[in-house]
Amino acid sequence: MSSGFVKTRAAFDQLLGELRPKLHRYCARMTGSVVDGEDVVQEAIVKAIEALPGLGSIEHPDGWLFRIAHNAALDFLRRRARQNAPRSDEDPDMFMDPVSTTDDRQTAAASLHTFMRLPVAQRSSVILMDVLGYSLQEIAEVIDSTIPAVKAALNRGRARLRELALERDDRPLPVLPAAQRSLLKAYVDRFNARDFEAIRDMLAGEVRLELVNKTRMNGKGEVGRYFGNYSVVHDWQLVPGFIDRHPAILVRDPSDPSAPPTYFMLLHWAGDRLIGIRDFRHARYAIEGAELLVLD
């Protein structure tokens, strides 16, 4: 992690621009979803901005940001645990020295769903070292732990990921109800046909749009202007699908249709009216590691 200082909001914004994709990689794996991971990143950014004026200059600013993101992820997981049936996957860590081998590094490619099957301490330690490349000391500072505890968590987490890699993922494929599927397909078809007037007719008066990592718009008039930006570029083709089992629009580069999607959009409906759009065009880092499924 960097040993520099952050003294001004401009310096903070520059740091955030450089660090945001890494923060998202961490939060997505901690929460098991690229969408939830972005929500946690945004929560962490708000907390960091609120704390910034009273801190003066910040030494090791990326470590400071990661601690905030780590705590925001823990808060998110606690909230989700309260909403779901309670269960605990934590168990005492054994104090062992981690062995950094090629096989262990390969566990970093595990799916977000697989990472979620690790206890939190193991999950955070493996992500910070094997995915993001931080040292034992840096990890201990981020998660407020000790080096022996981090070593133990790494060993146990890596061993568990190797076990999980041998198991089949027998979860059923996600299913989109016919009414929602029809709305999603209608939006995609009209967008691909560049019939943006027809799409504007689908908007609710109170529609909200988030162009993630860029701007927000509110109301049908303001959001309606957003489509004008797409009318003058040709680097997109939309397909309906799922991202981390959420209904979504996957965006491909039409010049390379066999390549994976480059980013995605999420839609929220009230009846047959569109009340929310989240467009990740300016946050393409968010699709990395996501579970993608294209609807036929």
Protein backbone atom coordinates (compact mmCIF):
# COMPACT_ATOMS: atom_id res chain seq x y z
CA MET A 1 0.00 0.00 0.00
CA SER A 2 1.07 3.57 -0.62
CA SER A 3 3.00 5.45 2.07
CA GLY A 4 2.09 8.88 0.66
CA PHE A 5 -0.10 11.55 2.18
CA VAL A 6 -3.51 12.94 1.30
CA LYS A 7 -3.93 16.58 2.35
CA THR A 8 -6.64 17.97 0.07
CA ARG A 9 -9.96 16.88 -1.43
CA ALA A 10 -8.35 17.04 -4.88
CA ALA A 11 -5.66 14.61 -3.75
CA PHE A 12 -8.34 12.36 -2.27
CA ASP A 13 -10.33 12.38 -5.53
CA GLN A 14 -7.20 11.45 -7.48
CA LEU A 15 -6.43 8.61 -5.09
CA LEU A 16 -10.01 7.37 -5.28
CA GLY A 17 -9.90 7.34 -9.07
CA GLU A 18 -6.82 5.12 -8.94
CA LEU A 19 -8.00 2.88 -6.12
CA ARG A 20 -11.71 2.43 -6.85
CA PRO A 21 -11.38 -0.68 -9.05
CA LYS A 22 -9.34 -2.42 -6.32
CA LEU A 23 -11.82 -1.37 -3.66
CA HIS A 24 -14.57 -2.89 -5.79
CA ARG A 25 -12.66 -6.14 -6.31
CA TYR A 26 -12.40 -6.46 -2.55
CA CYS A 27 -15.99 -5.49 -1.71
CA ALA A 28 -17.50 -7.64 -4.47
CA ARG A 29 -15.73 -10.72 -3.11
CA MET A 30 -16.61 -9.86 0.46
CA THR A 31 -20.32 -9.54 -0.40
CA GLY A 32 -20.51 -12.17 -3.15
CA SER A 33 -21.91 -9.78 -5.75
CA VAL A 34 -20.50 -7.11 -8.05
CA VAL A 35 -23.70 -5.10 -7.54
CA ASP A 36 -23.61 -5.28 -3.73
CA GLY A 37 -19.87 -4.64 -3.91
CA GLU A 38 -20.45 -1.34 -5.70
CA ASP A 39 -23.05 -0.35 -3.09
CA VAL A 40 -20.48 -0.98 -0.34
CA VAL A 41 -17.81 0.98 -2.21
CA GLN A 42 -20.17 3.94 -2.49
CA GLU A 43 -21.03 3.70 1.22
CA ALA A 44 -17.32 3.65 2.07
CA ILE A 45 -16.63 6.68 -0.13
CA VAL A 46 -19.37 8.67 1.60
CA LYS A 47 -17.92 7.78 5.00
CA ALA A 48 -14.41 8.71 3.87
CA ILE A 49 -15.53 12.08 2.49
CA GLU A 50 -17.39 12.84 5.72
CA ALA A 51 -14.31 12.01 7.81
CA LEU A 52 -11.81 13.82 5.57
CA PRO A 53 -12.16 17.43 6.87
CA GLY A 54 -11.29 16.50 10.46
CA LEU A 55 -8.26 14.38 9.69
CA GLY A 56 -5.72 16.79 8.24
CA SER A 57 -3.13 14.96 6.18
CA ILE A 58 -3.52 11.17 5.96
CA GLU A 59 -0.49 8.90 5.92
CA HIS A 60 -0.98 5.57 4.11
CA PRO A 61 -4.25 6.81 2.53
CA ASP A 62 -5.00 3.64 0.59
CA GLY A 63 -4.76 1.60 3.79
CA TRP A 64 -7.12 4.10 5.42
CA LEU A 65 -9.60 3.73 2.56
CA PHE A 66 -9.41 -0.06 2.65
CA ARG A 67 -10.12 -0.08 6.39
CA ILE A 68 -13.23 2.02 5.77
CA ALA A 69 -14.30 -0.28 2.92
CA HIS A 70 -13.64 -3.37 5.05
CA ASN A 71 -15.78 -2.02 7.88
CA ALA A 72 -18.51 -0.99 5.43
CA ALA A 73 -18.49 -4.53 4.01
CA LEU A 74 -18.82 -5.99 7.52
CA ASP A 75 -21.74 -3.63 8.23
CA PHE A 76 -23.40 -4.76 4.98
CA LEU A 77 -22.93 -8.44 5.85
CA ARG A 78 -24.39 -7.90 9.32
CA ARG A 79 -27.43 -6.16 7.85
CA ARG A 80 -27.92 -8.98 5.35
CA ALA A 81 -27.52 -11.62 8.08
CA ARG A 82 -30.24 -9.94 10.13
CA GLN A 83 -32.56 -10.00 7.12
CA ASN A 84 -31.86 -13.67 6.37
CA ALA A 85 -32.00 -16.75 8.54
CA PRO A 86 -29.20 -16.46 11.11
CA ARG A 87 -26.19 -18.64 10.57
CA SER A 88 -22.57 -18.50 11.59
CA ASP A 89 -19.71 -19.78 9.46
CA GLU A 90 -16.96 -18.56 11.75
CA ASP A 91 -14.75 -21.04 13.55
CA PRO A 92 -11.55 -20.60 15.58
CA ASP A 93 -8.46 -20.01 13.47
CA MET A 94 -5.42 -22.24 13.89
CA PHE A 95 -2.10 -20.41 14.06
CA MET A 96 -0.01 -21.64 11.17
CA ASP A 97 2.33 -20.06 8.64
CA PRO A 98 0.78 -19.48 5.22
CA VAL A 99 2.37 -21.23 2.28
CA SER A 100 2.31 -19.04 -0.83
CA THR A 101 2.28 -21.48 -3.77
CA THR A 102 1.07 -21.29 -7.34
CA ASP A 103 -1.96 -23.39 -6.38
CA ASP A 104 -2.81 -20.91 -3.64
CA ARG A 105 -2.56 -18.02 -6.08
CA GLN A 106 -4.91 -19.85 -8.42
CA THR A 107 -7.57 -19.81 -5.71
CA ALA A 108 -7.84 -16.07 -6.34
CA ALA A 109 -9.79 -16.95 -9.49
CA ALA A 110 -12.59 -18.51 -7.44
CA SER A 111 -16.10 -17.27 -8.11
CA LEU A 112 -17.71 -14.64 -5.92
CA HIS A 113 -20.20 -17.27 -4.76
CA THR A 114 -17.34 -19.54 -3.68
CA PHE A 115 -15.64 -16.77 -1.69
CA MET A 116 -18.91 -16.30 0.20
CA ARG A 117 -18.57 -19.82 1.60
CA LEU A 118 -15.49 -18.79 3.60
CA PRO A 119 -15.73 -17.29 7.09
CA VAL A 120 -15.30 -13.53 7.01
CA ALA A 121 -11.75 -13.45 8.45
CA GLN A 122 -10.56 -16.07 5.97
CA ARG A 123 -12.36 -14.38 3.09
CA SER A 124 -10.89 -10.92 3.73
CA SER A 125 -7.37 -12.26 4.28
CA VAL A 126 -7.35 -14.36 1.10
CA ILE A 127 -8.79 -11.53 -0.99
CA LEU A 128 -6.33 -8.94 0.30
CA MET A 129 -3.28 -11.16 -0.25
CA ASP A 130 -4.11 -13.46 -3.17
CA VAL A 131 -6.33 -11.15 -5.20
CA LEU A 132 -4.89 -7.72 -4.33
CA GLY A 133 -1.33 -8.62 -3.33
CA TYR A 134 -1.07 -6.94 0.08
CA SER A 135 1.38 -7.99 2.78
CA LEU A 136 0.61 -9.69 6.08
CA GLN A 137 1.27 -6.44 7.95
CA GLU A 138 -1.00 -4.44 5.63
CA ILE A 139 -3.78 -7.02 5.92
CA ALA A 140 -3.55 -7.02 9.71
CA GLU A 141 -3.90 -3.23 9.72
CA VAL A 142 -6.91 -3.24 7.38
CA ILE A 143 -8.90 -5.89 9.27
CA ASP A 144 -7.64 -4.86 12.73
CA SER A 145 -6.04 -8.21 13.46
CA THR A 146 -2.63 -9.72 14.22
CA ILE A 147 -0.12 -11.21 11.81
CA PRO A 148 -0.44 -14.71 13.36
CA ALA A 149 -4.23 -14.55 13.02
CA VAL A 150 -3.92 -13.41 9.39
CA LYS A 151 -1.51 -16.28 8.67
CA ALA A 152 -3.97 -18.75 10.14
CA ALA A 153 -6.88 -17.31 8.21
CA LEU A 154 -4.91 -17.46 4.97
CA ASN A 155 -4.01 -21.12 5.44
CA ARG A 156 -7.50 -22.18 6.34
CA GLY A 157 -9.13 -20.05 3.64
CA ARG A 158 -6.82 -21.29 0.91
CA ALA A 159 -7.33 -24.91 1.95
CA ARG A 160 -11.10 -24.48 1.95
CA LEU A 161 -11.08 -22.83 -1.50
CA ARG A 162 -9.10 -25.79 -2.87
CA GLU A 163 -11.76 -28.12 -1.46
CA LEU A 164 -14.59 -26.05 -2.90
CA ALA A 165 -12.94 -25.98 -6.34
CA LEU A 166 -13.55 -29.73 -6.55
CA GLU A 167 -17.27 -29.44 -5.84
CA ARG A 168 -19.92 -29.05 -8.53
CA ASP A 169 -22.05 -25.94 -8.54
CA ASP A 170 -25.50 -27.54 -8.59
CA ARG A 171 -27.50 -24.38 -8.00
CA PRO A 172 -30.48 -24.11 -10.40
CA LEU A 173 -30.27 -21.49 -13.10
CA PRO A 174 -32.06 -18.23 -12.26
CA VAL A 175 -35.51 -17.79 -13.80
CA LEU A 176 -37.09 -14.50 -14.83
CA PRO A 177 -40.91 -14.37 -14.66
CA ALA A 178 -42.58 -13.87 -18.01
CA ALA A 179 -43.81 -10.33 -17.28
CA GLN A 180 -40.37 -9.12 -16.20
CA ARG A 181 -38.74 -10.91 -19.11
CA SER A 182 -41.11 -9.16 -21.52
CA LEU A 183 -40.31 -5.71 -20.08
CA LEU A 184 -36.57 -6.34 -20.15
CA LYS A 185 -36.71 -7.60 -23.74
CA ALA A 186 -38.83 -4.63 -24.84
CA TYR A 187 -36.31 -2.18 -23.38
CA VAL A 188 -33.37 -4.00 -25.00
CA ASP A 189 -35.07 -4.26 -28.40
CA ARG A 190 -35.99 -0.56 -28.45
CA PHE A 191 -32.54 0.48 -27.25
CA ASN A 192 -30.79 -1.61 -29.91
CA ALA A 193 -33.14 -0.13 -32.53
CA ARG A 194 -32.16 3.34 -31.22
CA ASP A 195 -35.83 4.07 -30.70
CA PHE A 196 -35.16 6.24 -27.67
CA GLU A 197 -38.50 8.03 -27.93
CA ALA A 198 -40.23 4.70 -27.30
CA ILE A 199 -37.97 4.15 -24.30
CA ARG A 200 -38.76 7.61 -22.93
CA ASP A 201 -42.42 6.60 -23.05
CA MET A 202 -41.57 3.74 -20.65
CA LEU A 203 -40.19 6.10 -17.99
CA ALA A 204 -42.10 6.94 -14.84
CA GLY A 205 -42.31 10.63 -13.98
CA GLU A 206 -40.17 10.09 -10.86
CA VAL A 207 -37.55 7.91 -12.59
CA ARG A 208 -34.01 8.06 -11.21
CA LEU A 209 -30.81 7.26 -13.06
CA GLU A 210 -27.35 6.53 -11.70
CA LEU A 211 -24.52 6.64 -14.20
CA VAL A 212 -22.22 4.85 -11.78
CA ASN A 213 -18.94 6.64 -11.02
CA LYS A 214 -20.13 9.62 -13.06
CA THR A 215 -23.45 11.34 -12.22
CA ARG A 216 -27.07 11.01 -11.13
CA MET A 217 -30.24 12.27 -12.79
CA ASN A 218 -33.79 12.61 -11.46
CA GLY A 219 -37.13 12.92 -13.20
CA LYS A 220 -38.37 11.97 -16.65
CA GLY A 221 -37.16 15.17 -18.32
CA GLU A 222 -33.61 14.96 -17.01
CA VAL A 223 -33.25 11.20 -17.44
CA GLY A 224 -34.69 11.42 -20.93
CA ARG A 225 -31.67 13.44 -22.03
CA TYR A 226 -29.34 10.62 -20.98
CA PHE A 227 -30.34 8.57 -24.02
CA GLY A 228 -29.00 11.27 -26.30
CA ASN A 229 -25.48 10.33 -25.26
CA TYR A 230 -26.05 6.78 -26.52
CA SER A 231 -27.49 8.00 -29.79
CA VAL A 232 -24.12 9.42 -30.90
CA VAL A 233 -21.88 6.43 -30.05
CA HIS A 234 -21.78 2.98 -31.61
CA ASP A 235 -19.73 0.90 -29.17
CA TRP A 236 -22.64 -0.94 -27.58
CA GLN A 237 -25.09 -3.76 -28.21
CA LEU A 238 -27.49 -4.78 -25.45
CA VAL A 239 -28.57 -8.33 -24.56
CA PRO A 240 -30.89 -9.36 -21.71
CA GLY A 241 -29.45 -11.63 -19.05
CA PHE A 242 -28.38 -12.02 -15.45
CA ILE A 243 -25.41 -10.74 -13.48
CA ASP A 244 -24.76 -12.52 -10.20
CA ARG A 245 -28.30 -13.87 -10.59
CA HIS A 246 -29.80 -10.34 -10.78
CA PRO A 247 -31.84 -9.59 -13.94
CA ALA A 248 -29.66 -7.27 -15.99
CA ILE A 249 -28.76 -5.90 -19.39
CA LEU A 250 -25.33 -7.04 -20.58
CA VAL A 251 -23.52 -4.70 -22.97
CA ARG A 252 -21.26 -6.06 -25.70
CA ASP A 253 -18.94 -4.41 -28.19
CA PRO A 254 -20.69 -4.93 -31.56
CA SER A 255 -17.33 -5.01 -33.32
CA ASP A 256 -16.39 -8.13 -31.31
CA PRO A 257 -19.63 -10.05 -30.60
CA SER A 258 -17.79 -13.16 -29.36
CA ALA A 259 -16.02 -11.22 -26.59
CA PRO A 260 -17.46 -11.13 -23.05
CA PRO A 261 -19.75 -8.24 -22.12
CA THR A 262 -17.87 -5.09 -21.17
CA TYR A 263 -20.37 -3.62 -18.70
CA PHE A 264 -23.98 -3.88 -17.61
CA MET A 265 -27.17 -2.00 -16.71
CA LEU A 266 -29.81 -2.66 -14.06
CA LEU A 267 -33.47 -1.65 -14.39
CA HIS A 268 -36.11 -1.23 -11.69
CA TRP A 269 -39.82 -1.26 -12.51
CA ALA A 270 -43.10 -0.25 -10.88
CA GLY A 271 -45.65 -2.15 -12.90
CA ASP A 272 -44.81 -1.41 -16.53
CA ARG A 273 -43.06 1.90 -15.74
CA LEU A 274 -39.32 2.24 -15.39
CA ILE A 275 -38.45 3.93 -12.09
CA GLY A 276 -34.71 3.27 -11.85
CA ILE A 277 -31.69 2.79 -14.12
CA ARG A 278 -28.14 1.95 -13.00
CA ASP A 279 -25.71 2.17 -15.90
CA PHE A 280 -22.15 0.91 -15.27
CA ARG A 281 -20.66 2.31 -18.51
CA HIS A 282 -18.19 4.43 -16.51
CA ALA A 283 -17.57 1.68 -13.94
CA ARG A 284 -16.51 -1.19 -16.16
CA TYR A 285 -14.31 -2.56 -13.40
CA ALA A 286 -17.55 -3.77 -11.77
CA ILE A 287 -18.13 -6.62 -14.22
CA GLU A 288 -14.86 -8.35 -13.37
CA GLY A 289 -15.52 -11.70 -11.68
CA ALA A 290 -19.29 -11.52 -12.12
CA GLU A 291 -21.42 -14.57 -12.85
CA LEU A 292 -22.97 -13.82 -16.26
CA LEU A 293 -25.85 -15.51 -18.04
CA VAL A 294 -27.40 -14.42 -21.34
CA LEU A 295 -31.13 -14.97 -21.82
CA ASP A 296 -32.11 -16.84 -24.97
